[in-house]
């Protein structure tokens, strides 16, 4: 399903890239005992993805990048 208006494929590329990473780094490597276990693991993955995982293009985590450039704006 499209994540933006019709004809705006550039927005879709970002979210499709994220979902691809999430599947390859998280979903395909774990077995979940229950829905609650899945939710806990997903929360842990999202915390790691946003706060500790260094993006090579940014050379910092997404949260560090946001904080750095919001402070200067």
PDB file of N, CA and C in Angstrom:
ATOM      1  N   UNK A   1       0.845  -1.182   0.000  1.00  0.00           N
ATOM      2  CA  UNK A   1       0.000   0.000   0.000  1.00  0.00           C
ATOM      3  C   UNK A   1       0.885   1.238   0.000  1.00  0.00           C
ATOM      4  N   UNK A   2       0.478   2.227  -0.755  1.00  0.00           N
ATOM      5  CA  UNK A   2       1.225   3.470  -0.848  1.00  0.00           C
ATOM      6  C   UNK A   2       1.155   4.237   0.461  1.00  0.00           C
ATOM      7  N   UNK A   3       2.267   4.858   0.831  1.00  0.00           N
ATOM      8  CA  UNK A   3       2.326   5.642   2.058  1.00  0.00           C
ATOM      9  C   UNK A   3       2.137   7.133   1.797  1.00  0.00           C
ATOM     10  N   UNK A   4       1.915   7.503   0.549  1.00  0.00           N
ATOM     11  CA  UNK A   4       1.732   8.923   0.232  1.00  0.00           C
ATOM     12  C   UNK A   4       0.737   9.060  -0.912  1.00  0.00           C
ATOM     13  N   UNK A   5       0.578  10.287  -1.346  1.00  0.00           N
ATOM     14  CA  UNK A   5      -0.352  10.539  -2.451  1.00  0.00           C
ATOM     15  C   UNK A   5       0.113   9.843  -3.734  1.00  0.00           C
ATOM     16  N   UNK A   6      -0.798   9.636  -4.637  1.00  0.00           N
ATOM     17  CA  UNK A   6      -0.496   9.001  -5.909  1.00  0.00           C
ATOM     18  C   UNK A   6       0.563   9.808  -6.666  1.00  0.00           C
ATOM     19  N   UNK A   7       1.547   9.115  -7.203  1.00  0.00           N
ATOM     20  CA  UNK A   7       2.565   9.761  -8.011  1.00  0.00           C
ATOM     21  C   UNK A   7       3.729  10.326  -7.219  1.00  0.00           C
ATOM     22  N   UNK A   8       3.770  10.094  -5.908  1.00  0.00           N
ATOM     23  CA  UNK A   8       4.853  10.621  -5.086  1.00  0.00           C
ATOM     24  C   UNK A   8       5.698   9.452  -4.589  1.00  0.00           C
ATOM     25  N   UNK A   9       6.463   8.848  -5.492  1.00  0.00           N
ATOM     26  CA  UNK A   9       7.190   7.621  -5.172  1.00  0.00           C
ATOM     27  C   UNK A   9       8.379   7.854  -4.253  1.00  0.00           C
ATOM     28  N   UNK A  10       8.894   9.064  -4.164  1.00  0.00           N
ATOM     29  CA  UNK A  10      10.078   9.308  -3.338  1.00  0.00           C
ATOM     30  C   UNK A  10       9.776   9.103  -1.852  1.00  0.00           C
ATOM     31  N   UNK A  11       8.579   9.451  -1.402  1.00  0.00           N
ATOM     32  CA  UNK A  11       8.196   9.186  -0.021  1.00  0.00           C
ATOM     33  C   UNK A  11       8.105   7.687   0.227  1.00  0.00           C
ATOM     34  N   UNK A  12       7.602   6.946  -0.728  1.00  0.00           N
ATOM     35  CA  UNK A  12       7.474   5.501  -0.574  1.00  0.00           C
ATOM     36  C   UNK A  12       8.831   4.826  -0.462  1.00  0.00           C
ATOM     37  N   UNK A  13       9.837   5.319  -1.163  1.00  0.00           N
ATOM     38  CA  UNK A  13      11.161   4.700  -1.139  1.00  0.00           C
ATOM     39  C   UNK A  13      11.742   4.689   0.264  1.00  0.00           C
ATOM     40  N   UNK A  14      11.542   5.739   1.021  1.00  0.00           N
ATOM     41  CA  UNK A  14      12.091   5.822   2.375  1.00  0.00           C
ATOM     42  C   UNK A  14      11.446   4.782   3.284  1.00  0.00           C
ATOM     43  N   UNK A  15      10.135   4.707   3.278  1.00  0.00           N
ATOM     44  CA  UNK A  15       9.450   3.768   4.167  1.00  0.00           C
ATOM     45  C   UNK A  15       9.652   2.327   3.708  1.00  0.00           C
ATOM     46  N   UNK A  16       9.720   2.092   2.410  1.00  0.00           N
ATOM     47  CA  UNK A  16       9.977   0.747   1.922  1.00  0.00           C
ATOM     48  C   UNK A  16      11.379   0.297   2.303  1.00  0.00           C
ATOM     49  N   UNK A  17      12.341   1.214   2.286  1.00  0.00           N
ATOM     50  CA  UNK A  17      13.695   0.895   2.729  1.00  0.00           C
ATOM     51  C   UNK A  17      13.685   0.516   4.212  1.00  0.00           C
ATOM     52  N   UNK A  18      12.979   1.286   5.029  1.00  0.00           N
ATOM     53  CA  UNK A  18      12.896   0.978   6.455  1.00  0.00           C
ATOM     54  C   UNK A  18      12.276  -0.395   6.685  1.00  0.00           C
ATOM     55  N   UNK A  19      11.161  -0.684   6.033  1.00  0.00           N
ATOM     56  CA  UNK A  19      10.506  -1.981   6.228  1.00  0.00           C
ATOM     57  C   UNK A  19      11.406  -3.122   5.767  1.00  0.00           C
ATOM     58  N   UNK A  20      12.173  -2.914   4.702  1.00  0.00           N
ATOM     59  CA  UNK A  20      13.129  -3.930   4.252  1.00  0.00           C
ATOM     60  C   UNK A  20      14.200  -4.190   5.292  1.00  0.00           C
ATOM     61  N   UNK A  21      14.739  -3.113   5.876  1.00  0.00           N
ATOM     62  CA  UNK A  21      15.732  -3.266   6.940  1.00  0.00           C
ATOM     63  C   UNK A  21      15.137  -3.958   8.158  1.00  0.00           C
ATOM     64  N   UNK A  22      13.929  -3.562   8.527  1.00  0.00           N
ATOM     65  CA  UNK A  22      13.281  -4.151   9.691  1.00  0.00           C
ATOM     66  C   UNK A  22      13.085  -5.653   9.486  1.00  0.00           C
ATOM     67  N   UNK A  23      12.657  -6.042   8.307  1.00  0.00           N
ATOM     68  CA  UNK A  23      12.449  -7.461   8.044  1.00  0.00           C
ATOM     69  C   UNK A  23      13.767  -8.226   8.067  1.00  0.00           C
ATOM     70  N   UNK A  24      14.796  -7.689   7.412  1.00  0.00           N
ATOM     71  CA  UNK A  24      16.057  -8.425   7.327  1.00  0.00           C
ATOM     72  C   UNK A  24      16.835  -8.433   8.641  1.00  0.00           C
ATOM     73  N   UNK A  25      16.760  -7.373   9.437  1.00  0.00           N
ATOM     74  CA  UNK A  25      17.523  -7.305  10.676  1.00  0.00           C
ATOM     75  C   UNK A  25      16.744  -7.786  11.904  1.00  0.00           C
ATOM     76  N   UNK A  26      15.437  -7.839  11.817  1.00  0.00           N
ATOM     77  CA  UNK A  26      14.626  -8.147  12.989  1.00  0.00           C
ATOM     78  C   UNK A  26      13.702  -9.343  12.770  1.00  0.00           C
ATOM     79  N   UNK A  27      12.824  -9.239  11.847  1.00  0.00           N
ATOM     80  CA  UNK A  27      11.735 -10.201  11.709  1.00  0.00           C
ATOM     81  C   UNK A  27      12.205 -11.601  11.302  1.00  0.00           C
ATOM     82  N   UNK A  28      13.121 -11.690  10.339  1.00  0.00           N
ATOM     83  CA  UNK A  28      13.512 -12.994   9.819  1.00  0.00           C
ATOM     84  C   UNK A  28      14.456 -13.762  10.739  1.00  0.00           C
ATOM     85  N   UNK A  29      14.988 -13.123  11.773  1.00  0.00           N
ATOM     86  CA  UNK A  29      15.985 -13.766  12.624  1.00  0.00           C
ATOM     87  C   UNK A  29      15.449 -14.188  13.986  1.00  0.00           C
ATOM     88  N   UNK A  30      14.176 -14.016  14.236  1.00  0.00           N
ATOM     89  CA  UNK A  30      13.634 -14.303  15.560  1.00  0.00           C
ATOM     90  C   UNK A  30      12.390 -15.185  15.463  1.00  0.00           C
ATOM     91  N   UNK A  31      12.201 -15.958  16.500  1.00  0.00           N
ATOM     92  CA  UNK A  31      10.957 -16.699  16.690  1.00  0.00           C
ATOM     93  C   UNK A  31      10.262 -16.081  17.896  1.00  0.00           C
ATOM     94  N   UNK A  32       8.996 -15.793  17.750  1.00  0.00           N
ATOM     95  CA  UNK A  32       8.248 -15.111  18.802  1.00  0.00           C
ATOM     96  C   UNK A  32       7.300 -16.094  19.478  1.00  0.00           C
ATOM     97  N   UNK A  33       7.287 -16.022  20.798  1.00  0.00           N
ATOM     98  CA  UNK A  33       6.463 -16.932  21.583  1.00  0.00           C
ATOM     99  C   UNK A  33       5.011 -16.490  21.653  1.00  0.00           C
ATOM    100  N   UNK A  34       4.786 -15.181  21.549  1.00  0.00           N
ATOM    101  CA  UNK A  34       3.434 -14.636  21.653  1.00  0.00           C
ATOM    102  C   UNK A  34       3.414 -13.239  21.046  1.00  0.00           C
ATOM    103  N   UNK A  35       2.237 -12.663  20.955  1.00  0.00           N
ATOM    104  CA  UNK A  35       2.096 -11.291  20.476  1.00  0.00           C
ATOM    105  C   UNK A  35       2.805 -10.327  21.419  1.00  0.00           C
ATOM    106  N   UNK A  36       2.695 -10.575  22.718  1.00  0.00           N
ATOM    107  CA  UNK A  36       3.360  -9.715  23.703  1.00  0.00           C
ATOM    108  C   UNK A  36       4.873  -9.767  23.546  1.00  0.00           C
ATOM    109  N   UNK A  37       5.404 -10.962  23.312  1.00  0.00           N
ATOM    110  CA  UNK A  37       6.849 -11.099  23.086  1.00  0.00           C
ATOM    111  C   UNK A  37       7.262 -10.336  21.831  1.00  0.00           C
ATOM    112  N   UNK A  38       6.466 -10.445  20.776  1.00  0.00           N
ATOM    113  CA  UNK A  38       6.741  -9.703  19.548  1.00  0.00           C
ATOM    114  C   UNK A  38       6.759  -8.195  19.806  1.00  0.00           C
ATOM    115  N   UNK A  39       5.783  -7.700  20.558  1.00  0.00           N
ATOM    116  CA  UNK A  39       5.717  -6.267  20.863  1.00  0.00           C
ATOM    117  C   UNK A  39       6.940  -5.809  21.649  1.00  0.00           C
ATOM    118  N   UNK A  40       7.371  -6.606  22.618  1.00  0.00           N
ATOM    119  CA  UNK A  40       8.553  -6.258  23.407  1.00  0.00           C
ATOM    120  C   UNK A  40       9.800  -6.205  22.535  1.00  0.00           C
ATOM    121  N   UNK A  41       9.961  -7.198  21.677  1.00  0.00           N
ATOM    122  CA  UNK A  41      11.127  -7.246  20.796  1.00  0.00           C
ATOM    123  C   UNK A  41      11.093  -6.114  19.769  1.00  0.00           C
ATOM    124  N   UNK A  42       9.908  -5.797  19.270  1.00  0.00           N
ATOM    125  CA  UNK A  42       9.787  -4.693  18.317  1.00  0.00           C
ATOM    126  C   UNK A  42      10.135  -3.369  18.977  1.00  0.00           C
ATOM    127  N   UNK A  43       9.686  -3.161  20.197  1.00  0.00           N
ATOM    128  CA  UNK A  43      10.035  -1.936  20.927  1.00  0.00           C
ATOM    129  C   UNK A  43      11.541  -1.834  21.131  1.00  0.00           C
ATOM    130  N   UNK A  44      12.171  -2.944  21.476  1.00  0.00           N
ATOM    131  CA  UNK A  44      13.622  -2.955  21.661  1.00  0.00           C
ATOM    132  C   UNK A  44      14.336  -2.663  20.345  1.00  0.00           C
ATOM    133  N   UNK A  45      13.848  -3.235  19.242  1.00  0.00           N
ATOM    134  CA  UNK A  45      14.447  -2.971  17.931  1.00  0.00           C
ATOM    135  C   UNK A  45      14.314  -1.500  17.561  1.00  0.00           C
ATOM    136  N   UNK A  46      13.140  -0.924  17.780  1.00  0.00           N
ATOM    137  CA  UNK A  46      12.925   0.480  17.430  1.00  0.00           C
ATOM    138  C   UNK A  46      13.799   1.407  18.278  1.00  0.00           C
ATOM    139  N   UNK A  47      13.959   1.079  19.553  1.00  0.00           N
ATOM    140  CA  UNK A  47      14.822   1.879  20.419  1.00  0.00           C
ATOM    141  C   UNK A  47      16.263   1.823  19.906  1.00  0.00           C
ATOM    142  N   UNK A  48      16.714   0.644  19.548  1.00  0.00           N
ATOM    143  CA  UNK A  48      18.067   0.485  19.003  1.00  0.00           C
ATOM    144  C   UNK A  48      18.194   1.208  17.671  1.00  0.00           C
ATOM    145  N   UNK A  49      17.219   1.043  16.804  1.00  0.00           N
ATOM    146  CA  UNK A  49      17.269   1.647  15.472  1.00  0.00           C
ATOM    147  C   UNK A  49      17.347   3.170  15.559  1.00  0.00           C
ATOM    148  N   UNK A  50      16.569   3.760  16.445  1.00  0.00           N
ATOM    149  CA  UNK A  50      16.515   5.223  16.528  1.00  0.00           C
ATOM    150  C   UNK A  50      17.626   5.834  17.363  1.00  0.00           C
ATOM    151  N   UNK A  51      18.101   5.133  18.380  1.00  0.00           N
ATOM    152  CA  UNK A  51      19.017   5.750  19.330  1.00  0.00           C
ATOM    153  C   UNK A  51      20.459   5.262  19.270  1.00  0.00           C
ATOM    154  N   UNK A  52      20.678   4.017  18.878  1.00  0.00           N
ATOM    155  CA  UNK A  52      22.033   3.481  18.945  1.00  0.00           C
ATOM    156  C   UNK A  52      22.607   3.067  17.605  1.00  0.00           C
ATOM    157  N   UNK A  53      21.789   2.789  16.625  1.00  0.00           N
ATOM    158  CA  UNK A  53      22.269   2.320  15.329  1.00  0.00           C
ATOM    159  C   UNK A  53      22.790   3.512  14.532  1.00  0.00           C
ATOM    160  N   UNK A  54      24.071   3.494  14.206  1.00  0.00           N
ATOM    161  CA  UNK A  54      24.688   4.597  13.478  1.00  0.00           C
ATOM    162  C   UNK A  54      24.375   4.440  11.991  1.00  0.00           C
ATOM    163  N   UNK A  55      23.799   5.470  11.411  1.00  0.00           N
ATOM    164  CA  UNK A  55      23.527   5.487   9.980  1.00  0.00           C
ATOM    165  C   UNK A  55      24.780   5.977   9.274  1.00  0.00           C
ATOM    166  N   UNK A  56      25.298   5.229   8.330  1.00  0.00           N
ATOM    167  CA  UNK A  56      26.568   5.582   7.687  1.00  0.00           C
ATOM    168  C   UNK A  56      26.489   6.928   6.965  1.00  0.00           C
ATOM    169  N   UNK A  57      25.356   7.224   6.372  1.00  0.00           N
ATOM    170  CA  UNK A  57      25.218   8.492   5.656  1.00  0.00           C
ATOM    171  C   UNK A  57      25.225   9.682   6.623  1.00  0.00           C
ATOM    172  N   UNK A  58      24.633   9.515   7.794  1.00  0.00           N
ATOM    173  CA  UNK A  58      24.565  10.595   8.782  1.00  0.00           C
ATOM    174  C   UNK A  58      25.791  10.628   9.697  1.00  0.00           C
ATOM    175  N   UNK A  59      26.444   9.477   9.850  1.00  0.00           N
ATOM    176  CA  UNK A  59      27.548   9.295  10.787  1.00  0.00           C
ATOM    177  C   UNK A  59      27.115   9.490  12.243  1.00  0.00           C
ATOM    178  N   UNK A  60      25.850   9.275  12.505  1.00  0.00           N
ATOM    179  CA  UNK A  60      25.277   9.337  13.850  1.00  0.00           C
ATOM    180  C   UNK A  60      23.912   8.672  13.814  1.00  0.00           C
ATOM    181  N   UNK A  61      23.304   8.494  14.968  1.00  0.00           N
ATOM    182  CA  UNK A  61      21.974   7.887  15.003  1.00  0.00           C
ATOM    183  C   UNK A  61      20.934   8.910  14.546  1.00  0.00           C
ATOM    184  N   UNK A  62      19.754   8.463  14.130  1.00  0.00           N
ATOM    185  CA  UNK A  62      18.712   9.400  13.714  1.00  0.00           C
ATOM    186  C   UNK A  62      18.319  10.392  14.815  1.00  0.00           C
ATOM    187  N   UNK A  63      18.276   9.950  16.058  1.00  0.00           N
ATOM    188  CA  UNK A  63      17.911  10.850  17.156  1.00  0.00           C
ATOM    189  C   UNK A  63      19.003  11.892  17.374  1.00  0.00           C
ATOM    190  N   UNK A  64      20.276  11.477  17.321  1.00  0.00           N
ATOM    191  CA  UNK A  64      21.374  12.431  17.455  1.00  0.00           C
ATOM    192  C   UNK A  64      21.324  13.463  16.334  1.00  0.00           C
ATOM    193  N   UNK A  65      21.051  13.010  15.113  1.00  0.00           N
ATOM    194  CA  UNK A  65      20.958  13.915  13.965  1.00  0.00           C
ATOM    195  C   UNK A  65      19.841  14.933  14.166  1.00  0.00           C
ATOM    196  N   UNK A  66      18.661  14.451  14.574  1.00  0.00           N
ATOM    197  CA  UNK A  66      17.534  15.345  14.795  1.00  0.00           C
ATOM    198  C   UNK A  66      17.852  16.352  15.886  1.00  0.00           C
ATOM    199  N   UNK A  67      18.392  15.887  17.001  1.00  0.00           N
ATOM    200  CA  UNK A  67      18.703  16.788  18.110  1.00  0.00           C
ATOM    201  C   UNK A  67      19.743  17.838  17.727  1.00  0.00           C
ATOM    202  N   UNK A  68      20.733  17.427  16.981  1.00  0.00           N
ATOM    203  CA  UNK A  68      21.806  18.354  16.575  1.00  0.00           C
ATOM    204  C   UNK A  68      21.265  19.476  15.700  1.00  0.00           C
ATOM    205  N   UNK A  69      20.421  19.129  14.738  1.00  0.00           N
ATOM    206  CA  UNK A  69      19.948  20.138  13.800  1.00  0.00           C
ATOM    207  C   UNK A  69      18.701  20.879  14.269  1.00  0.00           C
ATOM    208  N   UNK A  70      17.974  20.364  15.241  1.00  0.00           N
ATOM    209  CA  UNK A  70      16.893  21.133  15.830  1.00  0.00           C
ATOM    210  C   UNK A  70      17.454  22.220  16.739  1.00  0.00           C
ATOM    211  N   UNK A  71      18.586  21.949  17.371  1.00  0.00           N
ATOM    212  CA  UNK A  71      19.205  22.918  18.266  1.00  0.00           C
ATOM    213  C   UNK A  71      19.718  24.140  17.492  1.00  0.00           C
ATOM    214  N   UNK A  72      20.120  23.941  16.225  1.00  0.00           N
ATOM    215  CA  UNK A  72      20.652  25.046  15.429  1.00  0.00           C
ATOM    216  C   UNK A  72      19.558  25.803  14.682  1.00  0.00           C
ATOM    217  N   UNK A  73      18.367  25.229  14.595  1.00  0.00           N
ATOM    218  CA  UNK A  73      17.286  25.868  13.834  1.00  0.00           C
ATOM    219  C   UNK A  73      16.566  26.937  14.648  1.00  0.00           C
TER     220      UNK A  73
END
